[in-house]
């Protein structure tokens, strides 16, 4: 199977799965790091990037990168507030990349 056929097969598989991603897209975890709340609890944050398969005006298949998204290990969304501050969307709990001095 050539690369283009493998890409199409992967996209068709992704399109059949009820994942919440657009049809013809693939989501990949590209990084994982830890952040801490004010009580010192550690949370694993996974950085995901979705790649969208499309065709150009010339008819050739292309893969386009979308924005990064941040998620907890359980899949819950996390909002990036700045370089080292995050918030869990469902609870509003603030997270930082370094532990607070207690």
PDB file of N, CA and C in Angstrom:
ATOM      1  N   UNK A   1       0.862  -1.177   0.000  1.00  0.00           N
ATOM      2  CA  UNK A   1       0.000   0.000   0.000  1.00  0.00           C
ATOM      3  C   UNK A   1       0.904   1.235   0.000  1.00  0.00           C
ATOM      4  N   UNK A   2       0.676   2.158  -0.925  1.00  0.00           N
ATOM      5  CA  UNK A   2       1.498   3.364  -0.967  1.00  0.00           C
ATOM      6  C   UNK A   2       1.036   4.352   0.103  1.00  0.00           C
ATOM      7  N   UNK A   3       1.801   5.435   0.279  1.00  0.00           N
ATOM      8  CA  UNK A   3       1.529   6.397   1.355  1.00  0.00           C
ATOM      9  C   UNK A   3       0.165   7.043   1.190  1.00  0.00           C
ATOM     10  N   UNK A   4      -0.186   7.451  -0.029  1.00  0.00           N
ATOM     11  CA  UNK A   4      -1.481   8.103  -0.248  1.00  0.00           C
ATOM     12  C   UNK A   4      -2.624   7.156   0.101  1.00  0.00           C
ATOM     13  N   UNK A   5      -2.515   5.890  -0.282  1.00  0.00           N
ATOM     14  CA  UNK A   5      -3.563   4.920   0.033  1.00  0.00           C
ATOM     15  C   UNK A   5      -3.658   4.697   1.534  1.00  0.00           C
ATOM     16  N   UNK A   6      -2.513   4.672   2.219  1.00  0.00           N
ATOM     17  CA  UNK A   6      -2.516   4.504   3.678  1.00  0.00           C
ATOM     18  C   UNK A   6      -3.182   5.699   4.348  1.00  0.00           C
ATOM     19  N   UNK A   7      -2.905   6.921   3.858  1.00  0.00           N
ATOM     20  CA  UNK A   7      -3.538   8.119   4.406  1.00  0.00           C
ATOM     21  C   UNK A   7      -5.046   8.076   4.226  1.00  0.00           C
ATOM     22  N   UNK A   8      -5.497   7.664   3.037  1.00  0.00           N
ATOM     23  CA  UNK A   8      -6.931   7.584   2.760  1.00  0.00           C
ATOM     24  C   UNK A   8      -7.574   6.544   3.668  1.00  0.00           C
ATOM     25  N   UNK A   9      -6.921   5.390   3.834  1.00  0.00           N
ATOM     26  CA  UNK A   9      -7.470   4.335   4.689  1.00  0.00           C
ATOM     27  C   UNK A   9      -7.573   4.813   6.131  1.00  0.00           C
ATOM     28  N   UNK A  10      -6.563   5.525   6.611  1.00  0.00           N
ATOM     29  CA  UNK A  10      -6.591   6.046   7.983  1.00  0.00           C
ATOM     30  C   UNK A  10      -7.720   7.051   8.142  1.00  0.00           C
ATOM     31  N   UNK A  11      -7.927   7.905   7.151  1.00  0.00           N
ATOM     32  CA  UNK A  11      -8.987   8.915   7.221  1.00  0.00           C
ATOM     33  C   UNK A  11     -10.364   8.260   7.187  1.00  0.00           C
ATOM     34  N   UNK A  12     -10.517   7.224   6.354  1.00  0.00           N
ATOM     35  CA  UNK A  12     -11.802   6.535   6.296  1.00  0.00           C
ATOM     36  C   UNK A  12     -12.106   5.873   7.629  1.00  0.00           C
ATOM     37  N   UNK A  13     -11.091   5.294   8.265  1.00  0.00           N
ATOM     38  CA  UNK A  13     -11.282   4.678   9.576  1.00  0.00           C
ATOM     39  C   UNK A  13     -11.675   5.740  10.589  1.00  0.00           C
ATOM     40  N   UNK A  14     -10.988   6.871  10.596  1.00  0.00           N
ATOM     41  CA  UNK A  14     -11.295   7.958  11.539  1.00  0.00           C
ATOM     42  C   UNK A  14     -12.708   8.488  11.303  1.00  0.00           C
ATOM     43  N   UNK A  15     -13.142   8.561  10.052  1.00  0.00           N
ATOM     44  CA  UNK A  15     -14.465   9.097   9.739  1.00  0.00           C
ATOM     45  C   UNK A  15     -15.566   8.176  10.246  1.00  0.00           C
ATOM     46  N   UNK A  16     -15.289   6.876  10.372  1.00  0.00           N
ATOM     47  CA  UNK A  16     -16.294   5.934  10.848  1.00  0.00           C
ATOM     48  C   UNK A  16     -16.416   5.927  12.369  1.00  0.00           C
ATOM     49  N   UNK A  17     -15.428   6.472  13.073  1.00  0.00           N
ATOM     50  CA  UNK A  17     -15.429   6.431  14.523  1.00  0.00           C
ATOM     51  C   UNK A  17     -16.088   7.691  15.079  1.00  0.00           C
ATOM     52  N   UNK A  18     -17.014   7.520  16.049  1.00  0.00           N
ATOM     53  CA  UNK A  18     -17.688   8.699  16.634  1.00  0.00           C
ATOM     54  C   UNK A  18     -16.769   9.399  17.631  1.00  0.00           C
ATOM     55  N   UNK A  19     -15.815  10.171  17.122  1.00  0.00           N
ATOM     56  CA  UNK A  19     -14.802  10.774  17.981  1.00  0.00           C
ATOM     57  C   UNK A  19     -15.003  12.260  18.212  1.00  0.00           C
ATOM     58  N   UNK A  20     -15.930  12.878  17.500  1.00  0.00           N
ATOM     59  CA  UNK A  20     -16.110  14.311  17.628  1.00  0.00           C
ATOM     60  C   UNK A  20     -15.201  15.101  16.700  1.00  0.00           C
ATOM     61  N   UNK A  21     -14.300  14.423  15.997  1.00  0.00           N
ATOM     62  CA  UNK A  21     -13.416  15.107  15.042  1.00  0.00           C
ATOM     63  C   UNK A  21     -14.145  15.249  13.710  1.00  0.00           C
ATOM     64  N   UNK A  22     -13.752  16.235  12.904  1.00  0.00           N
ATOM     65  CA  UNK A  22     -14.342  16.366  11.581  1.00  0.00           C
ATOM     66  C   UNK A  22     -14.041  15.140  10.734  1.00  0.00           C
ATOM     67  N   UNK A  23     -14.946  14.797   9.834  1.00  0.00           N
ATOM     68  CA  UNK A  23     -14.721  13.682   8.915  1.00  0.00           C
ATOM     69  C   UNK A  23     -13.462  13.975   8.100  1.00  0.00           C
ATOM     70  N   UNK A  24     -12.626  12.962   7.931  1.00  0.00           N
ATOM     71  CA  UNK A  24     -11.392  13.158   7.179  1.00  0.00           C
ATOM     72  C   UNK A  24     -10.298  13.810   7.993  1.00  0.00           C
ATOM     73  N   UNK A  25     -10.286  13.575   9.304  1.00  0.00           N
ATOM     74  CA  UNK A  25      -9.241  14.154  10.126  1.00  0.00           C
ATOM     75  C   UNK A  25      -8.649  13.087  11.046  1.00  0.00           C
ATOM     76  N   UNK A  26      -7.440  13.360  11.507  1.00  0.00           N
ATOM     77  CA  UNK A  26      -6.740  12.461  12.409  1.00  0.00           C
ATOM     78  C   UNK A  26      -6.204  13.300  13.557  1.00  0.00           C
ATOM     79  N   UNK A  27      -6.465  12.885  14.805  1.00  0.00           N
ATOM     80  CA  UNK A  27      -5.939  13.588  15.979  1.00  0.00           C
ATOM     81  C   UNK A  27      -4.781  12.787  16.554  1.00  0.00           C
ATOM     82  N   UNK A  28      -3.705  13.482  16.893  1.00  0.00           N
ATOM     83  CA  UNK A  28      -2.527  12.827  17.440  1.00  0.00           C
ATOM     84  C   UNK A  28      -2.073  13.554  18.698  1.00  0.00           C
ATOM     85  N   UNK A  29      -1.699  12.782  19.723  1.00  0.00           N
ATOM     86  CA  UNK A  29      -1.085  13.386  20.906  1.00  0.00           C
ATOM     87  C   UNK A  29       0.369  13.670  20.554  1.00  0.00           C
ATOM     88  N   UNK A  30       0.768  14.945  20.690  1.00  0.00           N
ATOM     89  CA  UNK A  30       2.124  15.322  20.290  1.00  0.00           C
ATOM     90  C   UNK A  30       3.025  15.637  21.483  1.00  0.00           C
ATOM     91  N   UNK A  31       2.425  15.770  22.685  1.00  0.00           N
ATOM     92  CA  UNK A  31       3.226  16.055  23.873  1.00  0.00           C
ATOM     93  C   UNK A  31       2.384  15.767  25.112  1.00  0.00           C
ATOM     94  N   UNK A  32       3.052  15.462  26.210  1.00  0.00           N
ATOM     95  CA  UNK A  32       2.406  15.291  27.507  1.00  0.00           C
ATOM     96  C   UNK A  32       3.306  15.932  28.555  1.00  0.00           C
ATOM     97  N   UNK A  33       2.693  16.682  29.491  1.00  0.00           N
ATOM     98  CA  UNK A  33       3.465  17.296  30.562  1.00  0.00           C
ATOM     99  C   UNK A  33       2.587  17.350  31.806  1.00  0.00           C
ATOM    100  N   UNK A  34       3.166  17.730  32.938  1.00  0.00           N
ATOM    101  CA  UNK A  34       2.426  17.808  34.194  1.00  0.00           C
ATOM    102  C   UNK A  34       2.261  19.254  34.635  1.00  0.00           C
ATOM    103  N   UNK A  35       1.108  19.525  35.247  1.00  0.00           N
ATOM    104  CA  UNK A  35       0.817  20.834  35.835  1.00  0.00           C
ATOM    105  C   UNK A  35       0.194  20.585  37.201  1.00  0.00           C
ATOM    106  N   UNK A  36       0.224  21.606  38.056  1.00  0.00           N
ATOM    107  CA  UNK A  36      -0.185  21.459  39.452  1.00  0.00           C
ATOM    108  C   UNK A  36      -1.227  22.501  39.822  1.00  0.00           C
ATOM    109  N   UNK A  37      -2.193  22.097  40.663  1.00  0.00           N
ATOM    110  CA  UNK A  37      -3.159  23.062  41.184  1.00  0.00           C
ATOM    111  C   UNK A  37      -2.596  23.696  42.455  1.00  0.00           C
ATOM    112  N   UNK A  38      -3.348  24.603  43.074  1.00  0.00           N
ATOM    113  CA  UNK A  38      -2.871  25.310  44.269  1.00  0.00           C
ATOM    114  C   UNK A  38      -2.619  24.384  45.454  1.00  0.00           C
ATOM    115  N   UNK A  39      -3.290  23.230  45.488  1.00  0.00           N
ATOM    116  CA  UNK A  39      -3.109  22.274  46.578  1.00  0.00           C
ATOM    117  C   UNK A  39      -1.927  21.335  46.345  1.00  0.00           C
ATOM    118  N   UNK A  40      -1.261  21.473  45.187  1.00  0.00           N
ATOM    119  CA  UNK A  40      -0.118  20.626  44.877  1.00  0.00           C
ATOM    120  C   UNK A  40      -0.464  19.339  44.145  1.00  0.00           C
ATOM    121  N   UNK A  41      -1.750  19.139  43.791  1.00  0.00           N
ATOM    122  CA  UNK A  41      -2.148  17.955  43.039  1.00  0.00           C
ATOM    123  C   UNK A  41      -1.582  18.027  41.630  1.00  0.00           C
ATOM    124  N   UNK A  42      -1.081  16.894  41.141  1.00  0.00           N
ATOM    125  CA  UNK A  42      -0.467  16.842  39.813  1.00  0.00           C
ATOM    126  C   UNK A  42      -1.478  16.338  38.783  1.00  0.00           C
ATOM    127  N   UNK A  43      -1.517  16.993  37.629  1.00  0.00           N
ATOM    128  CA  UNK A  43      -2.396  16.628  36.521  1.00  0.00           C
ATOM    129  C   UNK A  43      -1.549  16.414  35.278  1.00  0.00           C
ATOM    130  N   UNK A  44      -1.819  15.340  34.554  1.00  0.00           N
ATOM    131  CA  UNK A  44      -1.172  15.109  33.257  1.00  0.00           C
ATOM    132  C   UNK A  44      -1.995  15.836  32.195  1.00  0.00           C
ATOM    133  N   UNK A  45      -1.321  16.662  31.416  1.00  0.00           N
ATOM    134  CA  UNK A  45      -1.971  17.379  30.319  1.00  0.00           C
ATOM    135  C   UNK A  45      -1.394  16.858  29.008  1.00  0.00           C
ATOM    136  N   UNK A  46      -2.298  16.473  28.107  1.00  0.00           N
ATOM    137  CA  UNK A  46      -1.911  15.940  26.806  1.00  0.00           C
ATOM    138  C   UNK A  46      -2.192  16.993  25.738  1.00  0.00           C
ATOM    139  N   UNK A  47      -1.205  17.253  24.911  1.00  0.00           N
ATOM    140  CA  UNK A  47      -1.346  18.214  23.817  1.00  0.00           C
ATOM    141  C   UNK A  47      -1.690  17.419  22.559  1.00  0.00           C
ATOM    142  N   UNK A  48      -2.802  17.775  21.950  1.00  0.00           N
ATOM    143  CA  UNK A  48      -3.235  17.085  20.726  1.00  0.00           C
ATOM    144  C   UNK A  48      -3.246  18.065  19.564  1.00  0.00           C
ATOM    145  N   UNK A  49      -2.959  17.520  18.412  1.00  0.00           N
ATOM    146  CA  UNK A  49      -3.056  18.303  17.187  1.00  0.00           C
ATOM    147  C   UNK A  49      -3.875  17.485  16.197  1.00  0.00           C
ATOM    148  N   UNK A  50      -4.842  18.134  15.569  1.00  0.00           N
ATOM    149  CA  UNK A  50      -5.662  17.478  14.556  1.00  0.00           C
ATOM    150  C   UNK A  50      -5.122  17.839  13.183  1.00  0.00           C
ATOM    151  N   UNK A  51      -5.032  16.833  12.339  1.00  0.00           N
ATOM    152  CA  UNK A  51      -4.600  17.021  10.958  1.00  0.00           C
ATOM    153  C   UNK A  51      -5.813  16.735  10.075  1.00  0.00           C
ATOM    154  N   UNK A  52      -6.142  17.671   9.204  1.00  0.00           N
ATOM    155  CA  UNK A  52      -7.321  17.562   8.359  1.00  0.00           C
ATOM    156  C   UNK A  52      -6.879  17.226   6.945  1.00  0.00           C
ATOM    157  N   UNK A  53      -7.470  16.170   6.384  1.00  0.00           N
ATOM    158  CA  UNK A  53      -7.164  15.783   5.008  1.00  0.00           C
ATOM    159  C   UNK A  53      -8.119  16.499   4.074  1.00  0.00           C
ATOM    160  N   UNK A  54      -7.549  17.099   3.036  1.00  0.00           N
ATOM    161  CA  UNK A  54      -8.335  17.874   2.085  1.00  0.00           C
ATOM    162  C   UNK A  54      -7.715  17.726   0.703  1.00  0.00           C
ATOM    163  N   UNK A  55      -8.338  18.306  -0.276  1.00  0.00           N
ATOM    164  CA  UNK A  55      -7.793  18.325  -1.641  1.00  0.00           C
ATOM    165  C   UNK A  55      -7.634  19.775  -2.085  1.00  0.00           C
ATOM    166  N   UNK A  56      -6.521  20.042  -2.752  1.00  0.00           N
ATOM    167  CA  UNK A  56      -6.265  21.372  -3.272  1.00  0.00           C
ATOM    168  C   UNK A  56      -7.002  21.599  -4.582  1.00  0.00           C
ATOM    169  N   UNK A  57      -6.901  22.800  -5.126  1.00  0.00           N
ATOM    170  CA  UNK A  57      -7.546  23.134  -6.392  1.00  0.00           C
ATOM    171  C   UNK A  57      -7.015  22.265  -7.525  1.00  0.00           C
ATOM    172  N   UNK A  58      -5.772  21.775  -7.363  1.00  0.00           N
ATOM    173  CA  UNK A  58      -5.178  20.912  -8.383  1.00  0.00           C
ATOM    174  C   UNK A  58      -5.620  19.460  -8.241  1.00  0.00           C
ATOM    175  N   UNK A  59      -6.454  19.156  -7.224  1.00  0.00           N
ATOM    176  CA  UNK A  59      -6.969  17.805  -7.028  1.00  0.00           C
ATOM    177  C   UNK A  59      -6.073  16.907  -6.189  1.00  0.00           C
ATOM    178  N   UNK A  60      -4.903  17.405  -5.798  1.00  0.00           N
ATOM    179  CA  UNK A  60      -3.983  16.595  -5.011  1.00  0.00           C
ATOM    180  C   UNK A  60      -4.372  16.618  -3.530  1.00  0.00           C
ATOM    181  N   UNK A  61      -4.200  15.476  -2.885  1.00  0.00           N
ATOM    182  CA  UNK A  61      -4.517  15.365  -1.462  1.00  0.00           C
ATOM    183  C   UNK A  61      -3.490  16.132  -0.645  1.00  0.00           C
ATOM    184  N   UNK A  62      -3.982  16.798   0.398  1.00  0.00           N
ATOM    185  CA  UNK A  62      -3.109  17.555   1.301  1.00  0.00           C
ATOM    186  C   UNK A  62      -3.550  17.305   2.743  1.00  0.00           C
ATOM    187  N   UNK A  63      -2.602  17.383   3.652  1.00  0.00           N
ATOM    188  CA  UNK A  63      -2.907  17.292   5.084  1.00  0.00           C
ATOM    189  C   UNK A  63      -2.576  18.646   5.703  1.00  0.00           C
ATOM    190  N   UNK A  64      -3.552  19.250   6.369  1.00  0.00           N
ATOM    191  CA  UNK A  64      -3.418  20.574   6.946  1.00  0.00           C
ATOM    192  C   UNK A  64      -3.447  20.453   8.476  1.00  0.00           C
ATOM    193  N   UNK A  65      -2.512  21.130   9.160  1.00  0.00           N
ATOM    194  CA  UNK A  65      -2.485  21.140  10.616  1.00  0.00           C
ATOM    195  C   UNK A  65      -3.523  22.113  11.153  1.00  0.00           C
ATOM    196  N   UNK A  66      -4.218  21.711  12.215  1.00  0.00           N
ATOM    197  CA  UNK A  66      -5.118  22.639  12.889  1.00  0.00           C
ATOM    198  C   UNK A  66      -4.442  23.117  14.172  1.00  0.00           C
ATOM    199  N   UNK A  67      -5.154  23.871  14.979  1.00  0.00           N
ATOM    200  CA  UNK A  67      -4.609  24.367  16.236  1.00  0.00           C
ATOM    201  C   UNK A  67      -4.418  23.231  17.231  1.00  0.00           C
ATOM    202  N   UNK A  68      -3.566  23.467  18.216  1.00  0.00           N
ATOM    203  CA  UNK A  68      -3.377  22.504  19.297  1.00  0.00           C
ATOM    204  C   UNK A  68      -4.554  22.574  20.253  1.00  0.00           C
ATOM    205  N   UNK A  69      -4.836  21.440  20.905  1.00  0.00           N
ATOM    206  CA  UNK A  69      -5.825  21.414  21.979  1.00  0.00           C
ATOM    207  C   UNK A  69      -5.193  20.707  23.167  1.00  0.00           C
ATOM    208  N   UNK A  70      -5.687  21.017  24.355  1.00  0.00           N
ATOM    209  CA  UNK A  70      -5.121  20.499  25.595  1.00  0.00           C
ATOM    210  C   UNK A  70      -6.202  19.720  26.331  1.00  0.00           C
ATOM    211  N   UNK A  71      -5.828  18.533  26.870  1.00  0.00           N
ATOM    212  CA  UNK A  71      -6.787  17.644  27.517  1.00  0.00           C
ATOM    213  C   UNK A  71      -6.156  16.957  28.711  1.00  0.00           C
ATOM    214  N   UNK A  72      -6.990  16.644  29.712  1.00  0.00           N
ATOM    215  CA  UNK A  72      -6.549  15.821  30.840  1.00  0.00           C
ATOM    216  C   UNK A  72      -6.501  14.363  30.396  1.00  0.00           C
ATOM    217  N   UNK A  73      -5.964  13.503  31.232  1.00  0.00           N
ATOM    218  CA  UNK A  73      -5.896  12.074  30.917  1.00  0.00           C
ATOM    219  C   UNK A  73      -7.275  11.465  30.688  1.00  0.00           C
ATOM    220  N   UNK A  74      -8.317  12.003  31.368  1.00  0.00           N
ATOM    221  CA  UNK A  74      -9.667  11.473  31.181  1.00  0.00           C
ATOM    222  C   UNK A  74     -10.366  12.078  29.963  1.00  0.00           C
ATOM    223  N   UNK A  75      -9.667  12.928  29.211  1.00  0.00           N
ATOM    224  CA  UNK A  75     -10.227  13.541  28.009  1.00  0.00           C
ATOM    225  C   UNK A  75     -10.853  14.901  28.237  1.00  0.00           C
ATOM    226  N   UNK A  76     -10.979  15.323  29.495  1.00  0.00           N
ATOM    227  CA  UNK A  76     -11.574  16.626  29.790  1.00  0.00           C
ATOM    228  C   UNK A  76     -10.747  17.763  29.213  1.00  0.00           C
ATOM    229  N   UNK A  77     -11.400  18.780  28.663  1.00  0.00           N
ATOM    230  CA  UNK A  77     -10.684  19.885  28.028  1.00  0.00           C
ATOM    231  C   UNK A  77      -9.985  20.798  29.030  1.00  0.00           C
ATOM    232  N   UNK A  78      -8.838  21.315  28.625  1.00  0.00           N
ATOM    233  CA  UNK A  78      -8.056  22.256  29.420  1.00  0.00           C
ATOM    234  C   UNK A  78      -7.796  23.482  28.546  1.00  0.00           C
ATOM    235  N   UNK A  79      -7.968  24.664  29.121  1.00  0.00           N
ATOM    236  CA  UNK A  79      -7.717  25.913  28.392  1.00  0.00           C
ATOM    237  C   UNK A  79      -6.329  26.437  28.754  1.00  0.00           C
ATOM    238  N   UNK A  80      -5.567  26.810  27.744  1.00  0.00           N
ATOM    239  CA  UNK A  80      -4.256  27.414  27.983  1.00  0.00           C
ATOM    240  C   UNK A  80      -4.454  28.917  28.149  1.00  0.00           C
ATOM    241  N   UNK A  81      -4.054  29.438  29.313  1.00  0.00           N
ATOM    242  CA  UNK A  81      -4.237  30.860  29.595  1.00  0.00           C
ATOM    243  C   UNK A  81      -3.012  31.685  29.208  1.00  0.00           C
ATOM    244  N   UNK A  82      -1.819  31.143  29.464  1.00  0.00           N
ATOM    245  CA  UNK A  82      -0.573  31.761  29.026  1.00  0.00           C
ATOM    246  C   UNK A  82       0.490  30.661  28.994  1.00  0.00           C
ATOM    247  N   UNK A  83       1.753  31.039  28.890  1.00  0.00           N
ATOM    248  CA  UNK A  83       2.814  30.044  28.710  1.00  0.00           C
ATOM    249  C   UNK A  83       2.876  28.985  29.801  1.00  0.00           C
ATOM    250  N   UNK A  84       2.539  29.348  31.040  1.00  0.00           N
ATOM    251  CA  UNK A  84       2.652  28.355  32.118  1.00  0.00           C
ATOM    252  C   UNK A  84       1.405  28.248  32.992  1.00  0.00           C
ATOM    253  N   UNK A  85       0.269  28.753  32.517  1.00  0.00           N
ATOM    254  CA  UNK A  85      -0.973  28.708  33.284  1.00  0.00           C
ATOM    255  C   UNK A  85      -2.090  28.112  32.430  1.00  0.00           C
ATOM    256  N   UNK A  86      -2.846  27.199  33.053  1.00  0.00           N
ATOM    257  CA  UNK A  86      -3.937  26.504  32.383  1.00  0.00           C
ATOM    258  C   UNK A  86      -5.143  26.479  33.307  1.00  0.00           C
ATOM    259  N   UNK A  87      -6.322  26.157  32.778  1.00  0.00           N
ATOM    260  CA  UNK A  87      -7.529  25.994  33.599  1.00  0.00           C
ATOM    261  C   UNK A  87      -8.314  24.801  33.068  1.00  0.00           C
ATOM    262  N   UNK A  88      -8.789  23.970  34.002  1.00  0.00           N
ATOM    263  CA  UNK A  88      -9.659  22.856  33.622  1.00  0.00           C
ATOM    264  C   UNK A  88     -11.019  23.457  33.282  1.00  0.00           C
ATOM    265  N   UNK A  89     -11.487  23.226  32.074  1.00  0.00           N
ATOM    266  CA  UNK A  89     -12.717  23.872  31.591  1.00  0.00           C
ATOM    267  C   UNK A  89     -13.923  23.506  32.447  1.00  0.00           C
ATOM    268  N   UNK A  90     -14.101  22.236  32.795  1.00  0.00           N
ATOM    269  CA  UNK A  90     -15.300  21.789  33.516  1.00  0.00           C
ATOM    270  C   UNK A  90     -15.384  22.307  34.948  1.00  0.00           C
ATOM    271  N   UNK A  91     -14.249  22.525  35.597  1.00  0.00           N
ATOM    272  CA  UNK A  91     -14.255  22.909  37.013  1.00  0.00           C
ATOM    273  C   UNK A  91     -13.711  24.306  37.281  1.00  0.00           C
ATOM    274  N   UNK A  92     -12.944  24.856  36.343  1.00  0.00           N
ATOM    275  CA  UNK A  92     -12.327  26.158  36.540  1.00  0.00           C
ATOM    276  C   UNK A  92     -11.064  26.110  37.384  1.00  0.00           C
ATOM    277  N   UNK A  93     -10.633  24.911  37.792  1.00  0.00           N
ATOM    278  CA  UNK A  93      -9.421  24.785  38.606  1.00  0.00           C
ATOM    279  C   UNK A  93      -8.225  25.279  37.808  1.00  0.00           C
ATOM    280  N   UNK A  94      -7.447  26.179  38.415  1.00  0.00           N
ATOM    281  CA  UNK A  94      -6.260  26.717  37.774  1.00  0.00           C
ATOM    282  C   UNK A  94      -5.073  25.770  37.953  1.00  0.00           C
ATOM    283  N   UNK A  95      -4.252  25.654  36.920  1.00  0.00           N
ATOM    284  CA  UNK A  95      -3.063  24.795  36.937  1.00  0.00           C
ATOM    285  C   UNK A  95      -1.855  25.593  36.499  1.00  0.00           C
ATOM    286  N   UNK A  96      -0.689  25.274  37.102  1.00  0.00           N
ATOM    287  CA  UNK A  96       0.573  25.908  36.723  1.00  0.00           C
ATOM    288  C   UNK A  96       1.594  24.827  36.448  1.00  0.00           C
ATOM    289  N   UNK A  97       2.583  25.169  35.638  1.00  0.00           N
ATOM    290  CA  UNK A  97       3.625  24.190  35.298  1.00  0.00           C
ATOM    291  C   UNK A  97       4.561  23.897  36.459  1.00  0.00           C
ATOM    292  N   UNK A  98       4.657  24.807  37.423  1.00  0.00           N
ATOM    293  CA  UNK A  98       5.516  24.591  38.585  1.00  0.00           C
ATOM    294  C   UNK A  98       4.652  24.576  39.841  1.00  0.00           C
ATOM    295  N   UNK A  99       5.096  23.815  40.837  1.00  0.00           N
ATOM    296  CA  UNK A  99       4.351  23.736  42.098  1.00  0.00           C
ATOM    297  C   UNK A  99       4.421  25.062  42.847  1.00  0.00           C
ATOM    298  N   UNK A 100       3.336  25.382  43.526  1.00  0.00           N
ATOM    299  CA  UNK A 100       3.314  26.575  44.379  1.00  0.00           C
ATOM    300  C   UNK A 100       4.175  26.316  45.609  1.00  0.00           C
ATOM    301  N   UNK A 101       4.853  27.352  46.051  1.00  0.00           N
ATOM    302  CA  UNK A 101       5.639  27.232  47.296  1.00  0.00           C
ATOM    303  C   UNK A 101       4.664  27.300  48.466  1.00  0.00           C
ATOM    304  N   UNK A 102       4.580  26.223  49.225  1.00  0.00           N
ATOM    305  CA  UNK A 102       3.597  26.176  50.320  1.00  0.00           C
ATOM    306  C   UNK A 102       4.281  26.255  51.664  1.00  0.00           C
TER     307      UNK A 102
END
